[in-house]
């Protein structure tokens, strides 16, 4: 017999895939206490916003979103959590209509805070960010998508000069291999075919448990029913040769990596306090390409950081131009309070930041288009996602080419072979299902 909902909650997520995974966990925690997701057309009793704070623009978007929900649902309890809440809890508390602010350490206690607020029946603001973040809760999210995001690690021990993540997320900590294998088995039992492994700094997995990331990958690869894994993002100095070699031989790990570079200039990397130089990065790309010739490699690139003179930017651009990578996730540097980068004297103008970002994005589009063109006319395996309405169905090849096929709901969440036909302006490919394989 189903439980009668005590309250209805609307959960909103801003930011990274890790946030989406954690929102799924909060939804489950609330549901255990009868606080169920709001249905279409219903008014929520509770709004939860899981925020991001990676840039000043992210902070601004979070404030706008919080205020929008307060105006739309003025009678609902407003709960704000996530990285912005962790870093700027008092600022959020001053927004009229915000009731509870939960820091990173308290996400797992969200149900008790919500229930206490309803029991007291009065507006009591709880500002609870803690600077000592120690807890870790494995989480897994699918939402309305086909792929699952499995959180295996949280926090970061590397204080890069531009970054506030260690303050927002705490020190590196992980679940155990046994916990994460159990979650992956639950995904398989739920019919899931693909899992994306996520975290803040997943290459540091196991620092608090005595385990390591490669052993986690090996254990996950043995789970029956999961046909695909992807590694969401891993630092180049933590992407060991052993990990690359093993992934190239594994049963289910796809030829797809996302490796943060941030800058192709060694002097800028030093200013950023990164833990590698560009030669190490180039060596990792070369090894991936040698062992997995079809591999898709995505790269994070920051432009306009303090200290990045025009000459150093050109040096970075030239180096990245020569890398055999397929996509650049480009973002302009954003000043973050409390970071050591603020002591670097050379400041790049906003106009120059935008111009540099535009050049890098154009380079990315060319690299991705050139890569995709190579596969037109070939047949690749694709996991087709659940469609929305009567439009085209979408999915990704093993090497992360996004394809569009004519809708056939019987193929949703199935791995099928498709022939890649036409490259579109948005860098997706129109394809047709191949039935005679």
Foldseek 3Di string as FASTA:
>chain_A
DDDAAPFEEAEEEDDDPVRQQLSQVLQVLQVVVRHHHDDPPDQGQAYEYAADPFFPVSLVVSVVVQVVVCVVRVNHAYEYEHLCCLVPVVVVVPPPRHQERDAPQCSSVVNVVVVVCVVVVDRHYYRDRDQARDDDDWGWDADQKQEIETEFKEADDAQFQQGDRCRRIPHIEGDDLVVRLVVLLVCLVVQHAEYEYDYDAQLCGCPPPVDGNQVSVVSNLPRPRHQAYEYAEHELVSCDLVNLVDLLVTRHYFLEYEYEDQFQFQVVCVNRRHDDHNVSVLVSLVSSCVSPVLAAYEYEYEPFQQPCDPVRLVNRVVRVLPHLHQAYPYDYRHHDPPGNSVVRPHGDDPVVSVVSRVVRRVSNVVSNLVSVVVQAQHKFKWQWMQDDPQAWIWTAGSNGAIETEHDDRVRHRHIFIWHFHDQDPVRHTYIYTDDPD
